[in-house]
PDB file of N, CA and C in Angstrom:
ATOM      1  N   MET A   1     112.983  77.217  88.639  1.00  0.00           N
ATOM      2  CA  MET A   1     111.557  77.007  88.528  1.00  0.00           C
ATOM      3  C   MET A   1     110.927  77.224  89.900  1.00  0.00           C
ATOM      4  N   PHE A   2     109.818  77.928  89.959  1.00  0.00           N
ATOM      5  CA  PHE A   2     109.119  78.199  91.211  1.00  0.00           C
ATOM      6  C   PHE A   2     107.910  77.287  91.317  1.00  0.00           C
ATOM      7  N   LEU A   3     108.097  76.170  91.978  1.00  0.00           N
ATOM      8  CA  LEU A   3     107.024  75.206  92.166  1.00  0.00           C
ATOM      9  C   LEU A   3     106.070  75.683  93.248  1.00  0.00           C
ATOM     10  N   ALA A   4     104.912  75.071  93.311  1.00  0.00           N
ATOM     11  CA  ALA A   4     103.884  75.476  94.270  1.00  0.00           C
ATOM     12  C   ALA A   4     104.368  75.418  95.711  1.00  0.00           C
ATOM     13  N   ASP A   5     105.244  74.477  96.017  1.00  0.00           N
ATOM     14  CA  ASP A   5     105.715  74.345  97.400  1.00  0.00           C
ATOM     15  C   ASP A   5     107.124  74.912  97.608  1.00  0.00           C
ATOM     16  N   CYS A   6     107.582  75.730  96.700  1.00  0.00           N
ATOM     17  CA  CYS A   6     108.913  76.325  96.769  1.00  0.00           C
ATOM     18  C   CYS A   6     108.946  77.439  97.822  1.00  0.00           C
ATOM     19  N   GLN A   7     110.005  77.480  98.628  1.00  0.00           N
ATOM     20  CA  GLN A   7     110.128  78.525  99.655  1.00  0.00           C
ATOM     21  C   GLN A   7     110.188  79.918  99.046  1.00  0.00           C
ATOM     22  N   ALA A   8     110.841  80.062  97.906  1.00  0.00           N
ATOM     23  CA  ALA A   8     110.923  81.381  97.272  1.00  0.00           C
ATOM     24  C   ALA A   8     109.529  81.857  96.860  1.00  0.00           C
ATOM     25  N   ARG A   9     108.711  80.946  96.401  1.00  0.00           N
ATOM     26  CA  ARG A   9     107.354  81.326  96.018  1.00  0.00           C
ATOM     27  C   ARG A   9     106.558  81.797  97.236  1.00  0.00           C
ATOM     28  N   LEU A  10     106.769  81.159  98.376  1.00  0.00           N
ATOM     29  CA  LEU A  10     106.130  81.599  99.620  1.00  0.00           C
ATOM     30  C   LEU A  10     106.520  83.044  99.923  1.00  0.00           C
ATOM     31  N   ALA A  11     107.797  83.350  99.799  1.00  0.00           N
ATOM     32  CA  ALA A  11     108.265  84.710 100.075  1.00  0.00           C
ATOM     33  C   ALA A  11     107.663  85.712  99.092  1.00  0.00           C
ATOM     34  N   PHE A  12     107.612  85.353  97.805  1.00  0.00           N
ATOM     35  CA  PHE A  12     107.013  86.254  96.813  1.00  0.00           C
ATOM     36  C   PHE A  12     105.535  86.477  97.108  1.00  0.00           C
ATOM     37  N   ASP A  13     104.844  85.424  97.543  1.00  0.00           N
ATOM     38  CA  ASP A  13     103.430  85.573  97.893  1.00  0.00           C
ATOM     39  C   ASP A  13     103.260  86.524  99.073  1.00  0.00           C
ATOM     40  N   LEU A  14     104.172  86.452 100.054  1.00  0.00           N
ATOM     41  CA  LEU A  14     104.060  87.309 101.238  1.00  0.00           C
ATOM     42  C   LEU A  14     104.269  88.778 100.910  1.00  0.00           C
ATOM     43  N   ILE A  15     105.245  89.082 100.071  1.00  0.00           N
ATOM     44  CA  ILE A  15     105.487  90.495  99.772  1.00  0.00           C
ATOM     45  C   ILE A  15     104.832  90.939  98.472  1.00  0.00           C
ATOM     46  N   GLY A  16     104.279  89.991  97.717  1.00  0.00           N
ATOM     47  CA  GLY A  16     103.627  90.330  96.463  1.00  0.00           C
ATOM     48  C   GLY A  16     102.319  91.081  96.655  1.00  0.00           C
ATOM     49  N   ASN A  17     101.683  90.879  97.781  1.00  0.00           N
ATOM     50  CA  ASN A  17     100.465  91.626  98.082  1.00  0.00           C
ATOM     51  C   ASN A  17     100.877  93.033  98.487  1.00  0.00           C
ATOM     52  N   THR A  18     100.412  94.021  97.758  1.00  0.00           N
ATOM     53  CA  THR A  18     100.813  95.413  98.003  1.00  0.00           C
ATOM     54  C   THR A  18     100.631  95.813  99.454  1.00  0.00           C
ATOM     55  N   TRP A  19      99.484  95.490 100.028  1.00  0.00           N
ATOM     56  CA  TRP A  19      99.219  95.954 101.385  1.00  0.00           C
ATOM     57  C   TRP A  19     100.091  95.261 102.414  1.00  0.00           C
ATOM     58  N   ASN A  20     100.477  94.003 102.182  1.00  0.00           N
ATOM     59  CA  ASN A  20     101.368  93.331 103.139  1.00  0.00           C
ATOM     60  C   ASN A  20     102.647  94.138 103.318  1.00  0.00           C
ATOM     61  N   ALA A  21     103.300  94.462 102.217  1.00  0.00           N
ATOM     62  CA  ALA A  21     104.568  95.182 102.290  1.00  0.00           C
ATOM     63  C   ALA A  21     104.385  96.576 102.886  1.00  0.00           C
ATOM     64  N   VAL A  22     103.301  97.250 102.525  1.00  0.00           N
ATOM     65  CA  VAL A  22     103.062  98.604 103.025  1.00  0.00           C
ATOM     66  C   VAL A  22     102.830  98.586 104.531  1.00  0.00           C
ATOM     67  N   VAL A  23     102.042  97.637 105.014  1.00  0.00           N
ATOM     68  CA  VAL A  23     101.773  97.554 106.453  1.00  0.00           C
ATOM     69  C   VAL A  23     103.040  97.176 107.207  1.00  0.00           C
ATOM     70  N   ILE A  24     103.791  96.226 106.695  1.00  0.00           N
ATOM     71  CA  ILE A  24     105.057  95.854 107.353  1.00  0.00           C
ATOM     72  C   ILE A  24     105.965  97.072 107.433  1.00  0.00           C
ATOM     73  N   TRP A  25     106.092  97.803 106.347  1.00  0.00           N
ATOM     74  CA  TRP A  25     106.953  98.989 106.331  1.00  0.00           C
ATOM     75  C   TRP A  25     106.456 100.038 107.325  1.00  0.00           C
ATOM     76  N   SER A  26     105.149 100.191 107.425  1.00  0.00           N
ATOM     77  CA  SER A  26     104.569 101.167 108.350  1.00  0.00           C
ATOM     78  C   SER A  26     104.798 100.804 109.807  1.00  0.00           C
ATOM     79  N   LEU A  27     104.999  99.532 110.078  1.00  0.00           N
ATOM     80  CA  LEU A  27     105.236  99.081 111.458  1.00  0.00           C
ATOM     81  C   LEU A  27     106.717  99.089 111.838  1.00  0.00           C
ATOM     82  N   ARG A  28     107.577  99.551 110.942  1.00  0.00           N
ATOM     83  CA  ARG A  28     109.025  99.476 111.190  1.00  0.00           C
ATOM     84  C   ARG A  28     109.481 100.306 112.392  1.00  0.00           C
ATOM     85  N   HIS A  29     108.724 101.340 112.767  1.00  0.00           N
ATOM     86  CA  HIS A  29     109.129 102.194 113.888  1.00  0.00           C
ATOM     87  C   HIS A  29     108.514 101.778 115.214  1.00  0.00           C
ATOM     88  N   GLY A  30     107.767 100.692 115.221  1.00  0.00           N
ATOM     89  CA  GLY A  30     107.208 100.209 116.476  1.00  0.00           C
ATOM     90  C   GLY A  30     105.715  99.980 116.405  1.00  0.00           C
ATOM     91  N   PRO A  31     105.131  99.584 117.535  1.00  0.00           N
ATOM     92  CA  PRO A  31     103.708  99.238 117.576  1.00  0.00           C
ATOM     93  C   PRO A  31     102.820 100.398 117.133  1.00  0.00           C
ATOM     94  N   ARG A  32     101.727 100.032 116.487  1.00  0.00           N
ATOM     95  CA  ARG A  32     100.766 101.020 116.012  1.00  0.00           C
ATOM     96  C   ARG A  32      99.354 100.499 116.245  1.00  0.00           C
ATOM     97  N   ARG A  33      98.464 101.443 116.533  1.00  0.00           N
ATOM     98  CA  ARG A  33      97.047 101.126 116.585  1.00  0.00           C
ATOM     99  C   ARG A  33      96.510 101.152 115.156  1.00  0.00           C
ATOM    100  N   PRO A  34      95.436 100.414 114.892  1.00  0.00           N
ATOM    101  CA  PRO A  34      94.915 100.368 113.519  1.00  0.00           C
ATOM    102  C   PRO A  34      94.571 101.741 112.944  1.00  0.00           C
ATOM    103  N   GLY A  35      93.981 102.610 113.748  1.00  0.00           N
ATOM    104  CA  GLY A  35      93.633 103.938 113.245  1.00  0.00           C
ATOM    105  C   GLY A  35      94.852 104.730 112.809  1.00  0.00           C
ATOM    106  N   ARG A  36      95.909 104.628 113.590  1.00  0.00           N
ATOM    107  CA  ARG A  36      97.147 105.337 113.232  1.00  0.00           C
ATOM    108  C   ARG A  36      97.759 104.746 111.971  1.00  0.00           C
ATOM    109  N   LEU A  37      97.737 103.410 111.869  1.00  0.00           N
ATOM    110  CA  LEU A  37      98.247 102.774 110.655  1.00  0.00           C
ATOM    111  C   LEU A  37      97.475 103.262 109.432  1.00  0.00           C
ATOM    112  N   GLN A  38      96.158 103.304 109.556  1.00  0.00           N
ATOM    113  CA  GLN A  38      95.332 103.732 108.437  1.00  0.00           C
ATOM    114  C   GLN A  38      95.667 105.165 108.028  1.00  0.00           C
ATOM    115  N   GLU A  39      95.889 106.035 109.005  1.00  0.00           N
ATOM    116  CA  GLU A  39      96.265 107.424 108.706  1.00  0.00           C
ATOM    117  C   GLU A  39      97.627 107.496 108.035  1.00  0.00           C
ATOM    118  N   GLU A  40      98.595 106.756 108.571  1.00  0.00           N
ATOM    119  CA  GLU A  40      99.956 106.802 108.031  1.00  0.00           C
ATOM    120  C   GLU A  40     100.025 106.231 106.618  1.00  0.00           C
ATOM    121  N   ILE A  41      99.262 105.177 106.374  1.00  0.00           N
ATOM    122  CA  ILE A  41      99.305 104.519 105.065  1.00  0.00           C
ATOM    123  C   ILE A  41      98.527 105.331 104.039  1.00  0.00           C
ATOM    124  N   GLY A  42      97.310 105.702 104.371  1.00  0.00           N
ATOM    125  CA  GLY A  42      96.461 106.418 103.420  1.00  0.00           C
ATOM    126  C   GLY A  42      95.986 105.494 102.314  1.00  0.00           C
ATOM    127  N   GLY A  43      94.747 105.662 101.900  1.00  0.00           N
ATOM    128  CA  GLY A  43      94.230 104.902 100.779  1.00  0.00           C
ATOM    129  C   GLY A  43      93.869 103.459 101.075  1.00  0.00           C
ATOM    130  N   ILE A  44      93.861 103.061 102.331  1.00  0.00           N
ATOM    131  CA  ILE A  44      93.497 101.701 102.699  1.00  0.00           C
ATOM    132  C   ILE A  44      92.252 101.771 103.575  1.00  0.00           C
ATOM    133  N   SER A  45      91.276 100.952 103.245  1.00  0.00           N
ATOM    134  CA  SER A  45      90.047 100.939 104.042  1.00  0.00           C
ATOM    135  C   SER A  45      90.294 100.180 105.343  1.00  0.00           C
ATOM    136  N   ALA A  46      89.441 100.424 106.323  1.00  0.00           N
ATOM    137  CA  ALA A  46      89.558  99.720 107.605  1.00  0.00           C
ATOM    138  C   ALA A  46      89.419  98.222 107.393  1.00  0.00           C
ATOM    139  N   LYS A  47      88.527  97.819 106.502  1.00  0.00           N
ATOM    140  CA  LYS A  47      88.319  96.389 106.237  1.00  0.00           C
ATOM    141  C   LYS A  47      89.570  95.742 105.643  1.00  0.00           C
ATOM    142  N   VAL A  48      90.150  96.389 104.654  1.00  0.00           N
ATOM    143  CA  VAL A  48      91.354  95.836 104.009  1.00  0.00           C
ATOM    144  C   VAL A  48      92.518  95.830 104.993  1.00  0.00           C
ATOM    145  N   LEU A  49      92.640  96.868 105.818  1.00  0.00           N
ATOM    146  CA  LEU A  49      93.698  96.893 106.824  1.00  0.00           C
ATOM    147  C   LEU A  49      93.529  95.738 107.799  1.00  0.00           C
ATOM    148  N   THR A  50      92.317  95.512 108.271  1.00  0.00           N
ATOM    149  CA  THR A  50      92.058  94.409 109.199  1.00  0.00           C
ATOM    150  C   THR A  50      92.398  93.073 108.564  1.00  0.00           C
ATOM    151  N   GLU A  51      91.986  92.865 107.321  1.00  0.00           N
ATOM    152  CA  GLU A  51      92.300  91.619 106.608  1.00  0.00           C
ATOM    153  C   GLU A  51      93.811  91.438 106.463  1.00  0.00           C
ATOM    154  N   THR A  52      94.498  92.525 106.151  1.00  0.00           N
ATOM    155  CA  THR A  52      95.952  92.466 105.973  1.00  0.00           C
ATOM    156  C   THR A  52      96.640  92.138 107.283  1.00  0.00           C
ATOM    157  N   LEU A  53      96.240  92.810 108.361  1.00  0.00           N
ATOM    158  CA  LEU A  53      96.845  92.541 109.667  1.00  0.00           C
ATOM    159  C   LEU A  53      96.604  91.099 110.093  1.00  0.00           C
ATOM    160  N   ARG A  54      95.421  90.574 109.848  1.00  0.00           N
ATOM    161  CA  ARG A  54      95.134  89.170 110.189  1.00  0.00           C
ATOM    162  C   ARG A  54      96.005  88.225 109.376  1.00  0.00           C
ATOM    163  N   ARG A  55      96.173  88.519 108.079  1.00  0.00           N
ATOM    164  CA  ARG A  55      97.010  87.685 107.220  1.00  0.00           C
ATOM    165  C   ARG A  55      98.459  87.714 107.692  1.00  0.00           C
ATOM    166  N   LEU A  56      98.944  88.895 108.062  1.00  0.00           N
ATOM    167  CA  LEU A  56     100.322  89.011 108.549  1.00  0.00           C
ATOM    168  C   LEU A  56     100.491  88.304 109.886  1.00  0.00           C
ATOM    169  N   GLU A  57      99.482  88.384 110.728  1.00  0.00           N
ATOM    170  CA  GLU A  57      99.527  87.676 112.014  1.00  0.00           C
ATOM    171  C   GLU A  57      99.523  86.166 111.784  1.00  0.00           C
ATOM    172  N   PHE A  58      98.677  85.690 110.888  1.00  0.00           N
ATOM    173  CA  PHE A  58      98.606  84.268 110.546  1.00  0.00           C
ATOM    174  C   PHE A  58      99.966  83.746 110.094  1.00  0.00           C
ATOM    175  N   ASN A  59     100.697  84.574 109.348  1.00  0.00           N
ATOM    176  CA  ASN A  59     101.998  84.172 108.815  1.00  0.00           C
ATOM    177  C   ASN A  59     103.150  84.432 109.778  1.00  0.00           C
ATOM    178  N   GLY A  60     102.851  84.887 110.987  1.00  0.00           N
ATOM    179  CA  GLY A  60     103.891  85.080 111.997  1.00  0.00           C
ATOM    180  C   GLY A  60     104.717  86.334 111.817  1.00  0.00           C
ATOM    181  N   LEU A  61     104.236  87.291 111.029  1.00  0.00           N
ATOM    182  CA  LEU A  61     105.005  88.496 110.753  1.00  0.00           C
ATOM    183  C   LEU A  61     104.627  89.659 111.669  1.00  0.00           C
ATOM    184  N   VAL A  62     103.427  89.592 112.223  1.00  0.00           N
ATOM    185  CA  VAL A  62     102.893  90.647 113.081  1.00  0.00           C
ATOM    186  C   VAL A  62     102.274  89.994 114.305  1.00  0.00           C
ATOM    187  N   THR A  63     102.369  90.678 115.415  1.00  0.00           N
ATOM    188  CA  THR A  63     101.689  90.218 116.621  1.00  0.00           C
ATOM    189  C   THR A  63     100.677  91.265 117.053  1.00  0.00           C
ATOM    190  N   ARG A  64      99.577  90.788 117.604  1.00  0.00           N
ATOM    191  CA  ARG A  64      98.479  91.657 118.043  1.00  0.00           C
ATOM    192  C   ARG A  64      98.487  91.695 119.563  1.00  0.00           C
ATOM    193  N   HIS A  65      98.450  92.908 120.102  1.00  0.00           N
ATOM    194  CA  HIS A  65      98.389  93.102 121.553  1.00  0.00           C
ATOM    195  C   HIS A  65      97.056  93.767 121.888  1.00  0.00           C
ATOM    196  N   ALA A  66      96.234  93.081 122.664  1.00  0.00           N
ATOM    197  CA  ALA A  66      94.953  93.648 123.104  1.00  0.00           C
ATOM    198  C   ALA A  66      95.093  94.015 124.575  1.00  0.00           C
ATOM    199  N   TYR A  67      94.708  95.228 124.915  1.00  0.00           N
ATOM    200  CA  TYR A  67      94.816  95.726 126.281  1.00  0.00           C
ATOM    201  C   TYR A  67      93.424  95.827 126.892  1.00  0.00           C
ATOM    202  N   ALA A  68      93.290  95.337 128.113  1.00  0.00           N
ATOM    203  CA  ALA A  68      92.003  95.363 128.822  1.00  0.00           C
ATOM    204  C   ALA A  68      91.801  96.743 129.436  1.00  0.00           C
ATOM    205  N   GLU A  69      91.406  97.657 128.605  1.00  0.00           N
ATOM    206  CA  GLU A  69      91.172  99.038 129.012  1.00  0.00           C
ATOM    207  C   GLU A  69      89.775  99.450 128.555  1.00  0.00           C
ATOM    208  N   ALA A  70      89.324 100.563 129.045  1.00  0.00           N
ATOM    209  CA  ALA A  70      88.060 101.114 128.578  1.00  0.00           C
ATOM    210  C   ALA A  70      88.335 102.494 127.994  1.00  0.00           C
ATOM    211  N   PRO A  71      88.163 102.690 126.718  1.00  0.00           N
ATOM    212  CA  PRO A  71      87.745 101.699 125.720  1.00  0.00           C
ATOM    213  C   PRO A  71      88.892 100.728 125.401  1.00  0.00           C
ATOM    214  N   PRO A  72      88.553  99.566 124.839  1.00  0.00           N
ATOM    215  CA  PRO A  72      89.595  98.577 124.507  1.00  0.00           C
ATOM    216  C   PRO A  72      90.617  99.174 123.537  1.00  0.00           C
ATOM    217  N   ARG A  73      91.848  98.745 123.703  1.00  0.00           N
ATOM    218  CA  ARG A  73      92.932  99.229 122.837  1.00  0.00           C
ATOM    219  C   ARG A  73      93.657  98.029 122.255  1.00  0.00           C
ATOM    220  N   VAL A  74      93.956  98.109 120.964  1.00  0.00           N
ATOM    221  CA  VAL A  74      94.683  97.055 120.255  1.00  0.00           C
ATOM    222  C   VAL A  74      95.844  97.704 119.519  1.00  0.00           C
ATOM    223  N   GLU A  75      96.993  97.062 119.577  1.00  0.00           N
ATOM    224  CA  GLU A  75      98.163  97.510 118.826  1.00  0.00           C
ATOM    225  C   GLU A  75      98.743  96.323 118.070  1.00  0.00           C
ATOM    226  N   TYR A  76      99.391  96.635 116.965  1.00  0.00           N
ATOM    227  CA  TYR A  76     100.072  95.619 116.168  1.00  0.00           C
ATOM    228  C   TYR A  76     101.552  95.973 116.103  1.00  0.00           C
ATOM    229  N   GLU A  77     102.357  94.921 116.095  1.00  0.00           N
ATOM    230  CA  GLU A  77     103.806  95.101 116.119  1.00  0.00           C
ATOM    231  C   GLU A  77     104.450  94.011 115.264  1.00  0.00           C
ATOM    232  N   LEU A  78     105.553  94.354 114.623  1.00  0.00           N
ATOM    233  CA  LEU A  78     106.301  93.353 113.871  1.00  0.00           C
ATOM    234  C   LEU A  78     106.918  92.338 114.823  1.00  0.00           C
ATOM    235  N   THR A  79     106.920  91.090 114.413  1.00  0.00           N
ATOM    236  CA  THR A  79     107.656  90.060 115.135  1.00  0.00           C
ATOM    237  C   THR A  79     109.110  90.110 114.652  1.00  0.00           C
ATOM    238  N   ASP A  80     109.961  89.330 115.273  1.00  0.00           N
ATOM    239  CA  ASP A  80     111.344  89.237 114.793  1.00  0.00           C
ATOM    240  C   ASP A  80     111.357  88.766 113.338  1.00  0.00           C
ATOM    241  N   LEU A  81     110.492  87.811 113.024  1.00  0.00           N
ATOM    242  CA  LEU A  81     110.398  87.322 111.648  1.00  0.00           C
ATOM    243  C   LEU A  81     109.939  88.436 110.708  1.00  0.00           C
ATOM    244  N   GLY A  82     108.948  89.207 111.121  1.00  0.00           N
ATOM    245  CA  GLY A  82     108.469  90.318 110.307  1.00  0.00           C
ATOM    246  C   GLY A  82     109.552  91.345 110.042  1.00  0.00           C
ATOM    247  N   ARG A  83     110.386  91.606 111.047  1.00  0.00           N
ATOM    248  CA  ARG A  83     111.471  92.582 110.872  1.00  0.00           C
ATOM    249  C   ARG A  83     112.498  92.130 109.834  1.00  0.00           C
ATOM    250  N   THR A  84     112.597  90.808 109.611  1.00  0.00           N
ATOM    251  CA  THR A  84     113.552  90.336 108.603  1.00  0.00           C
ATOM    252  C   THR A  84     113.139  90.737 107.193  1.00  0.00           C
ATOM    253  N   LEU A  85     111.891  91.149 107.001  1.00  0.00           N
ATOM    254  CA  LEU A  85     111.435  91.584 105.681  1.00  0.00           C
ATOM    255  C   LEU A  85     111.695  93.063 105.411  1.00  0.00           C
ATOM    256  N   LEU A  86     112.100  93.808 106.423  1.00  0.00           N
ATOM    257  CA  LEU A  86     112.348  95.236 106.216  1.00  0.00           C
ATOM    258  C   LEU A  86     113.456  95.486 105.195  1.00  0.00           C
ATOM    259  N   GLY A  87     114.506  94.692 105.237  1.00  0.00           N
ATOM    260  CA  GLY A  87     115.599  94.843 104.265  1.00  0.00           C
ATOM    261  C   GLY A  87     115.131  94.637 102.838  1.00  0.00           C
ATOM    262  N   PRO A  88     114.498  93.499 102.531  1.00  0.00           N
ATOM    263  CA  PRO A  88     114.011  93.295 101.160  1.00  0.00           C
ATOM    264  C   PRO A  88     112.972  94.331 100.725  1.00  0.00           C
ATOM    265  N   ILE A  89     112.066  94.716 101.615  1.00  0.00           N
ATOM    266  CA  ILE A  89     111.065  95.721 101.242  1.00  0.00           C
ATOM    267  C   ILE A  89     111.742  97.067 100.997  1.00  0.00           C
ATOM    268  N   GLY A  90     112.702  97.408 101.835  1.00  0.00           N
ATOM    269  CA  GLY A  90     113.465  98.643 101.633  1.00  0.00           C
ATOM    270  C   GLY A  90     114.213  98.629 100.309  1.00  0.00           C
ATOM    271  N   ALA A  91     114.779  97.480  99.952  1.00  0.00           N
ATOM    272  CA  ALA A  91     115.502  97.361  98.680  1.00  0.00           C
ATOM    273  C   ALA A  91     114.559  97.552  97.500  1.00  0.00           C
ATOM    274  N   PHE A  92     113.347  96.989  97.588  1.00  0.00           N
ATOM    275  CA  PHE A  92     112.360  97.210  96.529  1.00  0.00           C
ATOM    276  C   PHE A  92     112.003  98.686  96.431  1.00  0.00           C
ATOM    277  N   GLY A  93     111.862  99.343  97.559  1.00  0.00           N
ATOM    278  CA  GLY A  93     111.557 100.776  97.565  1.00  0.00           C
ATOM    279  C   GLY A  93     112.660 101.591  96.921  1.00  0.00           C
ATOM    280  N   GLU A  94     113.909 101.246  97.224  1.00  0.00           N
ATOM    281  CA  GLU A  94     115.043 101.944  96.618  1.00  0.00           C
ATOM    282  C   GLU A  94     115.061 101.734  95.105  1.00  0.00           C
ATOM    283  N   TRP A  95     114.783 100.493  94.688  1.00  0.00           N
ATOM    284  CA  TRP A  95     114.730 100.212  93.258  1.00  0.00           C
ATOM    285  C   TRP A  95     113.636 101.050  92.603  1.00  0.00           C
ATOM    286  N   ALA A  96     112.463 101.094  93.223  1.00  0.00           N
ATOM    287  CA  ALA A  96     111.347 101.861  92.671  1.00  0.00           C
ATOM    288  C   ALA A  96     111.699 103.343  92.571  1.00  0.00           C
ATOM    289  N   PHE A  97     112.346 103.881  93.602  1.00  0.00           N
ATOM    290  CA  PHE A  97     112.736 105.286  93.584  1.00  0.00           C
ATOM    291  C   PHE A  97     113.709 105.558  92.439  1.00  0.00           C
ATOM    292  N   ALA A  98     114.644 104.626  92.235  1.00  0.00           N
ATOM    293  CA  ALA A  98     115.664 104.812  91.204  1.00  0.00           C
ATOM    294  C   ALA A  98     115.120 104.597  89.790  1.00  0.00           C
ATOM    295  N   HIS A  99     114.092 103.767  89.633  1.00  0.00           N
ATOM    296  CA  HIS A  99     113.674 103.369  88.291  1.00  0.00           C
ATOM    297  C   HIS A  99     112.219 103.673  87.938  1.00  0.00           C
ATOM    298  N   ALA A 100     111.476 104.319  88.815  1.00  0.00           N
ATOM    299  CA  ALA A 100     110.057 104.587  88.547  1.00  0.00           C
ATOM    300  C   ALA A 100     109.868 105.389  87.266  1.00  0.00           C
ATOM    301  N   ASP A 101     110.720 106.381  87.031  1.00  0.00           N
ATOM    302  CA  ASP A 101     110.585 107.198  85.817  1.00  0.00           C
ATOM    303  C   ASP A 101     110.773 106.351  84.559  1.00  0.00           C
ATOM    304  N   GLU A 102     111.715 105.414  84.597  1.00  0.00           N
ATOM    305  CA  GLU A 102     111.943 104.542  83.446  1.00  0.00           C
ATOM    306  C   GLU A 102     110.735 103.641  83.190  1.00  0.00           C
ATOM    307  N   VAL A 103     110.166 103.103  84.256  1.00  0.00           N
ATOM    308  CA  VAL A 103     108.997 102.235  84.113  1.00  0.00           C
ATOM    309  C   VAL A 103     107.824 103.029  83.546  1.00  0.00           C
ATOM    310  N   MET A 104     107.598 104.226  84.083  1.00  0.00           N
ATOM    311  CA  MET A 104     106.486 105.045  83.585  1.00  0.00           C
ATOM    312  C   MET A 104     106.705 105.454  82.129  1.00  0.00           C
ATOM    313  N   ALA A 105     107.945 105.730  81.748  1.00  0.00           N
ATOM    314  CA  ALA A 105     108.247 106.068  80.353  1.00  0.00           C
ATOM    315  C   ALA A 105     107.970 104.872  79.447  1.00  0.00           C
ATOM    316  N   ALA A 106     108.328 103.677  79.899  1.00  0.00           N
ATOM    317  CA  ALA A 106     108.049 102.472  79.109  1.00  0.00           C
ATOM    318  C   ALA A 106     106.546 102.275  78.963  1.00  0.00           C
ATOM    319  N   GLN A 107     105.793 102.531  80.016  1.00  0.00           N
ATOM    320  CA  GLN A 107     104.336 102.423  79.942  1.00  0.00           C
ATOM    321  C   GLN A 107     103.763 103.406  78.941  1.00  0.00           C
ATOM    322  N   ASP A 108     104.304 104.628  78.932  1.00  0.00           N
ATOM    323  CA  ASP A 108     103.842 105.648  77.982  1.00  0.00           C
ATOM    324  C   ASP A 108     104.153 105.257  76.537  1.00  0.00           C
ATOM    325  N   ARG A 109     105.289 104.596  76.331  1.00  0.00           N
ATOM    326  CA  ARG A 109     105.702 104.201  74.976  1.00  0.00           C
ATOM    327  C   ARG A 109     104.984 102.951  74.460  1.00  0.00           C
ATOM    328  N   TRP A 110     104.445 102.173  75.347  1.00  0.00           N
ATOM    329  CA  TRP A 110     103.873 100.871  74.982  1.00  0.00           C
ATOM    330  C   TRP A 110     102.710 101.028  74.031  1.00  0.00           C
ATOM    331  N   ASP A 111     102.736 100.225  72.999  1.00  0.00           N
ATOM    332  CA  ASP A 111     101.662 100.222  72.005  1.00  0.00           C
ATOM    333  C   ASP A 111     101.045  98.832  72.009  1.00  0.00           C
ATOM    334  N   PRO A 112      99.798  98.693  72.478  1.00  0.00           N
ATOM    335  CA  PRO A 112      99.190  97.386  72.578  1.00  0.00           C
ATOM    336  C   PRO A 112      98.948  96.698  71.229  1.00  0.00           C
ATOM    337  N   THR A 113      99.029  97.452  70.142  1.00  0.00           N
ATOM    338  CA  THR A 113      98.804  96.859  68.826  1.00  0.00           C
ATOM    339  C   THR A 113     100.085  96.254  68.256  1.00  0.00           C
ATOM    340  N   GLY A 114     101.199  96.475  68.969  1.00  0.00           N
ATOM    341  CA  GLY A 114     102.443  95.858  68.553  1.00  0.00           C
ATOM    342  C   GLY A 114     103.248  96.746  67.737  1.00  0.00           C
TER     343      GLY A 114
END
């Protein structure tokens, strides 16, 4: 049973948000500026990316580095804790690659009338 205060539920909440997992995966090769992340990810607005990065930072998965330069520069990087999610996210990706066709076929076969 997954109770409200269950640790497993916390983990599902962290990776259950599509953008959380995508941003974490995009940061796997090292620090990135928000503009580069947005380009690499595609399909994410600047606002949603900012919200996602703040949420990941709040949860200790990402760290923000602000540099006193002109113009100002900000980079985001996975923390050690954030890097521990790369394995599970990678495993989900492998599962999706192996089974996406089956899922899409089931969706095509589904009849909402029963």
